[in-house]
Amino acid sequence: MSASVALSVEGLAFSYGGKKALDDVNFKIRSGECTLLLGPNGAGKSTLFSLITRLYDTRDGRIELCGFDVKQQTRKALANLGIVFQQTTLDMDLTVLQNLRYHAALHGMGGKFANQRIQEELERLRLYERRNEKVRQLNGGHKRRVEIARALLHKPSLLLLDEPTVGLDMPSRQAIVEYVHQLASSKQLAVLWASHLIDEVYPDDHVIVLHKGQVKANGTVDEVLKATHTGQIKDAFYSLTQGEHA
């Protein structure tokens, strides 16, 4: 493939005390690729995200963001990363605009350029007219849109999404799933989306199935279906995780 590698994970391992959470995890994600990270609770998805974002550290394995080692070149590596956590991290008592301006300042973005980028992202998400409302006035789906806009302000090469649709109603969930997929293809953005909801997987997606800290599948939807001799991704997931519920 000619697309550049946005995220490379090699030989990654991590333990909590004597319990192994990740065991020799290897995969690559390329620009323009939407990758769904599927796994039951306790599979190691959150641990993996914590290592990519440097919340955790490990001696075992290597993580590179756009060619920068997250341990050795942390600032340059993380400058290429946008993230939406499962739990909201917006300040509920600030307006949408204030939240985004604060984040822009953290990335060293000046006033005029920051305002331009904020307007671009909010308009794309059809939220610009609500920029002066306090975040607590927004519904769950709109809060998620603000967080996605915030994650994209500095034009990252990789967007991490940690179960971003949990607790949202179906229309809000579908709108965000569709938007992120469209963003990946139109902006050549690499996306790593941790989910336990099989219907968030699109036919053209890259799929990684993580189970008990190990990668059980890594490929296109068609490749995973062929490898598991199944006709639907939900059946492949069930087979790979031995019937354990997500």
Protein backbone atom coordinates (compact mmCIF):
# COMPACT_ATOMS: atom_id res chain seq x y z
CA MET A 1 0.00 0.00 0.00
CA SER A 2 1.24 3.48 -0.81
CA ALA A 3 -0.47 5.20 2.15
CA SER A 4 1.89 6.28 4.90
CA VAL A 5 1.94 4.51 8.25
CA ALA A 6 0.35 6.68 10.95
CA LEU A 7 0.66 4.18 13.81
CA SER A 8 3.03 1.26 14.20
CA VAL A 9 2.86 -1.09 17.20
CA GLU A 10 5.54 -3.78 17.50
CA GLY A 11 5.97 -6.46 20.17
CA LEU A 12 3.94 -4.52 22.72
CA ALA A 13 3.42 -6.13 26.13
CA PHE A 14 2.15 -4.84 29.47
CA SER A 15 1.35 -6.36 32.84
CA TYR A 16 -0.51 -5.25 35.95
CA GLY A 17 1.53 -6.88 38.67
CA GLY A 18 1.72 -10.50 37.57
CA LYS A 19 -1.28 -10.31 35.25
CA LYS A 20 -0.53 -9.81 31.56
CA ALA A 21 -2.85 -7.26 29.95
CA LEU A 22 -1.15 -7.19 26.52
CA ASP A 23 1.00 -9.92 25.01
CA ASP A 24 3.12 -9.35 21.87
CA VAL A 25 0.70 -6.98 20.12
CA ASN A 26 1.64 -6.03 16.56
CA PHE A 27 -0.22 -3.97 13.95
CA LYS A 28 0.01 -0.95 11.63
CA ILE A 29 -2.57 1.71 10.71
CA ARG A 30 -2.22 3.77 7.55
CA SER A 31 -3.52 7.18 6.56
CA GLY A 32 -7.07 7.11 5.21
CA GLU A 33 -7.78 3.86 7.04
CA CYS A 34 -10.55 3.42 9.61
CA THR A 35 -9.60 0.62 11.99
CA LEU A 36 -12.11 -0.85 14.41
CA LEU A 37 -10.52 -2.30 17.53
CA LEU A 38 -12.97 -4.91 18.79
CA GLY A 39 -12.70 -6.87 22.01
CA PRO A 40 -14.66 -8.05 25.03
CA ASN A 41 -14.38 -6.14 28.30
CA GLY A 42 -10.95 -6.79 29.74
CA ALA A 43 -9.42 -7.56 26.34
CA GLY A 44 -6.76 -4.86 26.75
CA LYS A 45 -8.23 -2.07 24.60
CA SER A 46 -7.97 0.63 27.29
CA THR A 47 -4.45 -0.50 28.21
CA LEU A 48 -3.41 -0.23 24.57
CA PHE A 49 -4.82 3.31 24.33
CA SER A 50 -3.08 4.29 27.56
CA LEU A 51 0.25 3.14 26.14
CA ILE A 52 -0.26 4.95 22.82
CA THR A 53 -1.11 8.20 24.64
CA ARG A 54 1.74 7.76 27.18
CA LEU A 55 -0.56 7.55 30.19
CA TYR A 56 1.22 4.25 30.80
CA ASP A 57 4.77 3.19 29.98
CA THR A 58 6.28 -0.21 29.21
CA ARG A 59 9.74 -1.54 28.49
CA ASP A 60 8.37 -4.22 26.18
CA GLY A 61 7.69 -3.22 22.59
CA ARG A 62 7.71 -0.11 20.45
CA ILE A 63 5.04 2.40 19.41
CA GLU A 64 5.59 4.92 16.63
CA LEU A 65 3.29 7.77 15.60
CA CYS A 66 4.10 9.01 12.08
CA GLY A 67 7.61 7.61 12.48
CA PHE A 68 8.25 9.16 15.91
CA ASP A 69 8.91 6.84 18.86
CA VAL A 70 6.45 7.71 21.64
CA LYS A 71 9.12 7.05 24.31
CA GLN A 72 12.11 8.76 22.72
CA GLN A 73 10.31 11.56 20.82
CA THR A 74 7.18 11.97 22.93
CA ARG A 75 6.29 15.56 22.05
CA LYS A 76 6.74 15.10 18.28
CA ALA A 77 4.86 11.82 18.37
CA LEU A 78 1.86 13.07 20.35
CA ALA A 79 1.61 16.21 18.20
CA ASN A 80 0.27 13.88 15.50
CA LEU A 81 -2.46 12.49 17.75
CA GLY A 82 -6.06 13.54 18.40
CA ILE A 83 -8.08 11.62 20.99
CA VAL A 84 -11.66 11.32 22.22
CA PHE A 85 -11.89 9.50 25.54
CA GLN A 86 -14.86 7.38 26.62
CA GLN A 87 -15.56 9.71 29.54
CA THR A 88 -16.16 13.31 28.53
CA THR A 89 -13.34 15.73 29.36
CA LEU A 90 -15.08 18.97 28.42
CA ASP A 91 -15.60 21.73 31.00
CA MET A 92 -19.38 21.80 31.39
CA ASP A 93 -19.46 25.40 32.67
CA LEU A 94 -17.56 26.84 29.71
CA THR A 95 -19.04 27.50 26.30
CA VAL A 96 -18.22 25.37 23.29
CA LEU A 97 -15.97 28.17 22.02
CA GLN A 98 -14.15 28.55 25.34
CA ASN A 99 -13.46 24.80 25.51
CA LEU A 100 -12.02 24.76 22.02
CA ARG A 101 -9.98 27.95 22.46
CA TYR A 102 -8.40 26.52 25.60
CA HIS A 103 -7.42 23.34 23.74
CA ALA A 104 -6.07 25.37 20.81
CA ALA A 105 -3.90 27.39 23.21
CA LEU A 106 -2.45 24.16 24.65
CA HIS A 107 -1.31 23.31 21.12
CA GLY A 108 0.27 26.74 20.70
CA MET A 109 -2.28 27.93 18.16
CA GLY A 110 -2.59 31.72 17.89
CA GLY A 111 -5.90 33.58 18.19
CA LYS A 112 -6.77 34.24 14.54
CA PHE A 113 -5.65 30.81 13.31
CA ALA A 114 -7.33 29.10 16.27
CA ASN A 115 -10.62 30.87 15.56
CA GLN A 116 -10.40 29.87 11.91
CA ARG A 117 -9.80 26.20 12.76
CA ILE A 118 -12.57 26.21 15.39
CA GLN A 119 -15.04 27.65 12.89
CA GLU A 120 -14.03 25.11 10.23
CA GLU A 121 -14.50 22.10 12.51
CA LEU A 122 -17.72 23.32 14.12
CA GLU A 123 -19.24 24.16 10.76
CA ARG A 124 -18.32 20.71 9.46
CA LEU A 125 -20.15 19.22 12.45
CA ARG A 126 -23.06 21.68 12.12
CA LEU A 127 -22.41 23.17 15.56
CA TYR A 128 -21.05 26.62 14.81
CA GLU A 129 -24.33 28.37 15.63
CA ARG A 130 -24.17 26.82 19.11
CA ARG A 131 -20.61 27.95 19.82
CA ASN A 132 -21.64 30.37 22.60
CA GLU A 133 -23.76 27.85 24.51
CA LYS A 134 -22.42 26.22 27.64
CA VAL A 135 -21.49 22.59 27.11
CA ARG A 136 -23.93 21.39 29.77
CA GLN A 137 -26.78 22.70 27.58
CA LEU A 138 -25.87 20.23 24.80
CA ASN A 139 -27.19 16.70 24.49
CA GLY A 140 -24.85 13.70 24.54
CA GLY A 141 -24.44 13.49 20.78
CA HIS A 142 -23.56 17.18 20.45
CA LYS A 143 -21.04 16.96 23.31
CA ARG A 144 -19.35 14.13 21.43
CA ARG A 145 -19.25 16.26 18.28
CA VAL A 146 -17.54 19.05 20.23
CA GLU A 147 -14.95 16.56 21.49
CA ILE A 148 -14.31 15.34 17.96
CA ALA A 149 -13.94 18.93 16.76
CA ARG A 150 -11.50 19.59 19.60
CA ALA A 151 -9.45 16.49 18.74
CA LEU A 152 -9.13 17.65 15.12
CA LEU A 153 -8.19 21.32 15.71
CA HIS A 154 -4.45 20.78 15.30
CA LYS A 155 -4.94 18.56 12.21
CA PRO A 156 -3.60 15.29 13.65
CA SER A 157 -2.62 12.36 11.44
CA LEU A 158 -4.21 9.80 13.79
CA LEU A 159 -7.53 10.02 15.62
CA LEU A 160 -8.07 7.70 18.60
CA LEU A 161 -11.67 7.10 19.67
CA ASP A 162 -12.30 5.16 22.87
CA GLU A 163 -15.89 3.87 22.61
CA PRO A 164 -17.17 7.37 21.75
CA THR A 165 -20.79 6.34 21.13
CA VAL A 166 -21.45 4.66 24.49
CA GLY A 167 -24.69 5.99 25.98
CA LEU A 168 -25.82 7.83 22.86
CA ASP A 169 -29.19 7.32 21.18
CA MET A 170 -29.24 5.51 17.84
CA PRO A 171 -29.50 8.60 15.55
CA SER A 172 -26.60 10.33 17.35
CA ARG A 173 -24.54 7.14 17.26
CA GLN A 174 -25.14 6.57 13.56
CA ALA A 175 -24.35 10.21 12.72
CA ILE A 176 -20.97 10.04 14.51
CA VAL A 177 -20.07 6.67 12.97
CA GLU A 178 -20.88 7.99 9.50
CA TYR A 179 -19.04 11.26 10.07
CA VAL A 180 -15.82 9.61 11.26
CA HIS A 181 -15.78 7.16 8.35
CA GLN A 182 -16.30 9.99 5.89
CA LEU A 183 -13.55 12.00 7.60
CA ALA A 184 -11.05 9.15 7.28
CA SER A 185 -11.57 8.82 3.54
CA SER A 186 -11.91 12.51 2.63
CA LYS A 187 -9.08 13.84 4.82
CA GLN A 188 -6.77 10.81 4.62
CA LEU A 189 -6.97 10.60 8.40
CA ALA A 190 -5.98 7.39 10.16
CA VAL A 191 -8.59 6.31 12.73
CA LEU A 192 -8.32 3.77 15.54
CA TRP A 193 -11.80 3.26 17.01
CA ALA A 194 -12.18 1.03 20.07
CA SER A 195 -15.68 -0.41 20.17
CA HIS A 196 -17.74 -3.36 21.31
CA LEU A 197 -20.59 -2.53 18.93
CA ILE A 198 -20.33 -4.69 15.83
CA ASP A 199 -22.70 -2.53 13.78
CA GLU A 200 -20.11 0.27 13.84
CA VAL A 201 -17.93 -1.76 11.48
CA TYR A 202 -18.20 -0.76 7.80
CA PRO A 203 -17.42 -3.25 4.98
CA ASP A 204 -14.26 -1.37 3.93
CA ASP A 205 -12.87 -1.11 7.45
CA HIS A 206 -9.71 -2.62 8.86
CA VAL A 207 -10.51 -4.80 11.87
CA ILE A 208 -8.36 -5.80 14.84
CA VAL A 209 -9.86 -8.28 17.30
CA LEU A 210 -8.17 -8.19 20.70
CA HIS A 211 -8.88 -10.96 23.20
CA LYS A 212 -7.12 -11.61 26.53
CA GLY A 213 -4.35 -9.21 25.51
CA GLN A 214 -3.60 -10.89 22.19
CA VAL A 215 -4.42 -9.95 18.60
CA LYS A 216 -6.70 -12.69 17.30
CA ALA A 217 -7.41 -11.07 13.93
CA ASN A 218 -5.88 -8.20 11.97
CA GLY A 219 -7.04 -7.38 8.46
CA THR A 220 -9.85 -6.18 6.24
CA VAL A 221 -13.39 -7.31 7.01
CA ASP A 222 -13.18 -9.80 4.11
CA GLU A 223 -9.86 -11.18 5.34
CA VAL A 224 -11.23 -11.70 8.86
CA LEU A 225 -14.36 -13.40 7.51
CA LYS A 226 -12.30 -15.74 5.32
CA ALA A 227 -9.91 -16.58 8.14
CA THR A 228 -12.78 -17.49 10.48
CA HIS A 229 -14.97 -19.13 7.78
CA THR A 230 -17.88 -16.88 8.73
CA GLY A 231 -20.27 -14.70 6.77
CA GLN A 232 -20.71 -11.79 9.18
CA ILE A 233 -18.30 -9.89 11.40
CA LYS A 234 -20.42 -10.60 14.50
CA ASP A 235 -19.97 -14.34 13.88
CA ALA A 236 -16.24 -13.88 13.33
CA PHE A 237 -15.99 -11.91 16.56
CA TYR A 238 -17.93 -14.60 18.46
CA SER A 239 -15.68 -17.29 17.05
CA LEU A 240 -12.45 -15.46 17.86
CA THR A 241 -13.48 -14.62 21.41
CA GLN A 242 -14.90 -18.08 22.11
CA GLY A 243 -18.41 -16.86 22.65
CA GLU A 244 -17.54 -14.26 25.31
CA HIS A 245 -19.80 -11.21 25.20
CA ALA A 246 -18.40 -7.79 24.31
